[in-house]
Protein backbone atom coordinates (compact mmCIF):
# COMPACT_ATOMS: atom_id res chain seq x y z
CA MET A 1 131.27 94.84 99.46
CA ALA A 2 128.07 94.14 101.42
CA LEU A 3 125.92 96.00 98.90
CA ARG A 4 127.43 94.20 95.92
CA ALA A 5 126.97 90.87 97.70
CA GLY A 6 123.33 91.78 98.29
CA PHE A 7 122.89 92.75 94.65
CA ALA A 8 124.33 89.42 93.54
CA ALA A 9 122.03 87.49 95.89
CA ALA A 10 118.86 89.42 95.00
CA LYS A 11 116.14 87.34 93.34
CA GLY A 12 113.30 89.86 93.15
CA ASP A 13 112.48 92.06 90.21
CA ILE A 14 113.19 95.26 92.17
CA ILE A 15 116.16 96.08 94.41
CA VAL A 16 115.82 98.69 97.17
CA MET A 17 119.02 99.97 98.73
CA LEU A 18 118.90 101.63 102.17
CA ASP A 19 121.04 101.99 105.29
CA ALA A 20 120.60 99.47 108.10
CA ASP A 21 121.00 101.96 110.96
CA GLY A 22 117.36 103.08 110.96
CA SER A 23 118.06 106.45 109.33
CA MET A 24 116.10 105.48 106.22
CA ASP A 25 112.45 104.62 106.85
CA PRO A 26 111.18 101.35 105.29
CA GLN A 27 107.71 102.93 105.17
CA GLU A 28 108.99 105.04 102.26
CA ILE A 29 109.74 102.00 100.09
CA GLY A 30 106.42 102.36 98.31
CA TRP A 31 107.42 105.86 97.15
CA PHE A 32 110.52 104.37 95.53
CA VAL A 33 108.85 101.37 93.95
CA ALA A 34 105.81 103.19 92.53
CA PRO A 35 107.71 105.08 89.77
CA LEU A 36 109.12 101.76 88.59
CA GLN A 37 105.53 100.86 87.67
CA HIS A 38 105.46 103.81 85.29
CA ASP A 39 108.41 103.25 82.96
CA PHE A 40 111.16 104.51 85.27
CA ASP A 41 114.23 102.33 85.71
CA PHE A 42 116.07 103.99 88.62
CA VAL A 43 114.61 105.93 91.57
CA LYS A 44 116.69 108.18 93.79
CA GLY A 45 115.74 109.49 97.22
CA SER A 46 116.27 113.17 97.96
CA ARG A 47 116.34 115.11 101.20
CA HIS A 48 116.16 118.40 99.30
CA VAL A 49 112.87 118.23 97.41
CA THR A 50 109.45 119.09 98.82
CA GLY A 51 108.50 116.46 101.38
CA GLY A 52 112.10 115.43 102.09
CA GLY A 53 114.43 116.50 104.87
CA SER A 54 117.03 115.38 107.38
CA GLU A 55 117.35 115.11 111.14
CA ASP A 56 121.04 114.29 110.84
CA LEU A 57 122.63 116.49 108.14
CA THR A 58 125.19 118.98 109.45
CA HIS A 59 125.74 122.36 107.79
CA LEU A 60 129.18 121.27 106.57
CA ARG A 61 127.90 118.04 105.01
CA LYS A 62 124.95 119.91 103.47
CA ALA A 63 127.31 122.44 101.85
CA GLY A 64 129.60 119.69 100.56
CA ASN A 65 126.69 117.72 99.16
CA ARG A 66 125.33 120.82 97.43
CA ALA A 67 128.72 121.49 95.80
CA LEU A 68 129.17 117.87 94.66
CA THR A 69 125.59 117.70 93.37
CA GLY A 70 126.06 120.90 91.39
CA LEU A 71 129.29 119.57 89.88
CA ALA A 72 127.63 116.26 88.93
CA ASN A 73 124.73 118.08 87.29
CA ALA A 74 127.08 120.30 85.31
CA VAL A 75 129.08 117.36 84.01
CA LEU A 76 126.18 114.97 83.41
CA HIS A 77 123.66 117.60 82.20
CA SER A 78 121.33 116.17 84.84
CA ASN A 79 119.05 117.66 87.47
CA TYR A 80 119.81 115.72 90.65
CA SER A 81 119.04 117.48 93.93
CA ASP A 82 120.88 115.16 96.37
CA LEU A 83 123.95 113.26 95.15
CA CYS A 84 125.18 111.85 98.45
CA TYR A 85 122.13 109.94 99.67
CA GLY A 86 121.90 106.19 99.34
CA TYR A 87 118.17 105.43 99.42
CA ILE A 88 117.78 104.03 95.90
CA ALA A 89 115.55 101.56 94.07
CA PHE A 90 116.02 100.10 90.62
CA ARG A 91 115.07 97.16 88.45
CA ARG A 92 117.27 94.11 88.94
CA GLU A 93 117.87 94.02 85.18
CA CYS A 94 119.74 97.32 85.58
CA LEU A 95 122.55 95.55 87.44
CA GLU A 96 123.99 94.37 84.14
CA VAL A 97 124.01 97.97 82.93
CA LEU A 98 125.30 99.60 86.13
CA GLU A 99 128.18 97.14 86.74
CA ALA A 100 128.65 98.21 90.39
CA GLN A 101 132.28 98.02 91.54
CA SER A 102 132.82 100.39 94.50
CA ASP A 103 132.78 99.28 98.14
CA GLY A 104 132.43 102.45 100.25
CA PHE A 105 130.13 105.48 100.45
CA GLU A 106 131.10 106.33 96.89
CA ILE A 107 129.02 103.44 95.50
CA GLU A 108 126.03 105.82 95.62
CA THR A 109 127.84 108.24 93.32
CA GLU A 110 128.98 105.41 91.06
CA LEU A 111 125.43 104.11 90.60
CA ILE A 112 123.94 107.57 90.10
CA VAL A 113 126.51 108.62 87.49
CA ARG A 114 126.26 105.33 85.64
CA ALA A 115 122.46 105.45 85.62
CA ALA A 116 122.62 108.87 83.96
CA LYS A 117 125.33 107.89 81.46
CA ALA A 118 123.51 104.65 80.60
CA GLY A 119 120.34 106.51 79.62
CA LEU A 120 118.16 105.00 82.34
CA ARG A 121 114.91 106.81 83.12
CA ILE A 122 115.54 108.33 86.53
CA ALA A 123 113.07 109.69 89.08
CA GLU A 124 113.67 111.47 92.39
CA VAL A 125 111.30 111.07 95.32
CA PRO A 126 111.29 112.86 98.69
CA SER A 127 112.86 111.07 101.65
CA LEU A 128 113.25 112.03 105.30
CA GLU A 129 116.61 111.07 106.78
CA LEU A 130 116.05 110.18 110.43
CA ASP A 131 118.44 110.08 113.37
CA ARG A 132 120.08 106.66 113.44
CA ILE A 133 118.59 104.15 115.86
CA SER A 134 121.96 102.81 117.04
CA GLY A 135 125.65 102.74 116.23
CA ALA A 136 128.07 105.47 115.25
CA SER A 137 128.50 106.88 111.77
CA ASN A 138 131.64 105.84 109.88
CA LEU A 139 131.31 108.85 107.59
CA GLN A 140 134.19 111.34 107.68
CA THR A 141 133.25 114.52 105.86
CA PHE A 142 136.51 115.43 104.13
CA ARG A 143 137.81 111.90 103.49
CA ASP A 144 134.55 110.64 102.08
CA GLY A 145 133.88 113.87 100.21
CA TRP A 146 137.21 113.39 98.43
CA ARG A 147 136.30 109.78 97.62
CA VAL A 148 133.00 110.93 96.12
CA LEU A 149 134.78 113.61 94.07
CA HIS A 150 137.36 111.08 92.85
CA THR A 151 134.60 108.63 91.90
CA LEU A 152 132.65 111.34 90.09
CA ALA A 153 135.72 112.32 88.05
CA ARG A 154 136.63 108.71 87.28
CA GLU A 155 133.14 107.69 86.23
CA CYS A 156 132.60 110.72 84.02
CA ALA A 157 135.99 110.36 82.34
CA VAL A 158 136.51 106.61 82.08
CA TRP A 159 133.35 104.51 82.39
CA GLU A 160 131.58 103.67 79.15
CA ALA A 161 127.96 102.56 79.40
CA PRO A 162 127.17 99.18 77.82
CA THR A 163 124.19 100.93 76.25
CA ALA A 164 126.38 103.71 74.82
CA GLY A 165 124.02 106.25 76.40
CA ALA A 166 120.90 104.90 74.69
CA ARG A 167 118.05 103.81 76.91
CA PRO A 168 118.17 100.00 77.34
CA GLU A 169 114.79 99.08 75.87
CA ALA A 170 115.29 95.42 76.78
CA LEU A 171 114.52 96.12 80.45
CA ARG A 172 111.36 94.27 81.38
CA ARG A 173 108.26 96.08 82.59
CA VAL A 174 106.65 94.30 85.52
CA LYS A 175 103.44 95.44 87.23
CA TYR A 176 103.08 95.14 90.98
CA THR A 177 100.33 95.27 93.58
CA TYR A 178 101.00 96.39 97.13
CA SER A 179 99.56 95.15 100.37
CA ASN A 180 98.50 97.81 102.85
CA VAL A 181 101.35 97.24 105.29
CA ARG A 182 102.83 99.92 107.54
CA PHE A 183 106.03 99.26 109.45
CA PRO A 184 106.59 100.74 112.92
CA ARG A 185 109.61 102.97 113.45
CA LEU A 186 110.93 100.59 116.12
CA PRO A 187 109.54 97.14 115.31
CA VAL A 188 108.89 94.95 118.33
CA ASP A 189 108.94 91.78 116.26
CA PRO A 190 111.90 91.60 113.83
CA HIS A 191 109.85 89.36 111.55
CA SER A 192 107.51 92.30 110.91
CA VAL A 193 110.12 93.93 108.67
CA LEU A 194 110.83 90.66 106.85
CA THR A 195 107.27 90.09 105.66
CA PRO A 196 107.09 90.84 101.91
CA ALA A 197 105.28 94.13 101.33
CA VAL A 198 105.47 93.85 97.56
CA SER A 199 104.11 90.96 95.56
CA ARG A 200 104.22 90.15 91.89
CA HIS A 201 100.99 89.03 90.33
CA ALA A 202 100.83 86.64 87.42
């Protein structure tokens, strides 16, 4: 619900989706936004490509993610390397195509499957999953794994892309310039992470 509320409130041309527990580093945002300057529509973070990794992934979760990713690739004829990771960036115009509906962890799977079925141009970039700064994880391996599997089956069998699988050429192409801003891992001043790091030039 929180993610969909954020999507609805977003006013910028690019939406970046990341966890608020500190496990996803804001300093990586540039890696996600850059491909959107080069005709990509949807950018997915991966812990399993060169340059990525995790300080938090257990062997059981890693095995489950590998199995679910392999199943998604077989069904979608895609080449994802990390299905169950929610660091994602996409153009705001894609919201009308993706039609996000889920509320839990499975929203990541919903968006990823729909992006593939809608014909969006998808890129993967490396991401390092850090230990959370605070709080306890609500993730339960078997319960949430089942929810992801159920979502994958539902989306592949039922959801029909508004674009009928053809790439939505109407998506706007916007060029961006980036200020040279680096965010500390533990910001002393909360306002430091609220300062816009991406600006649109006329």
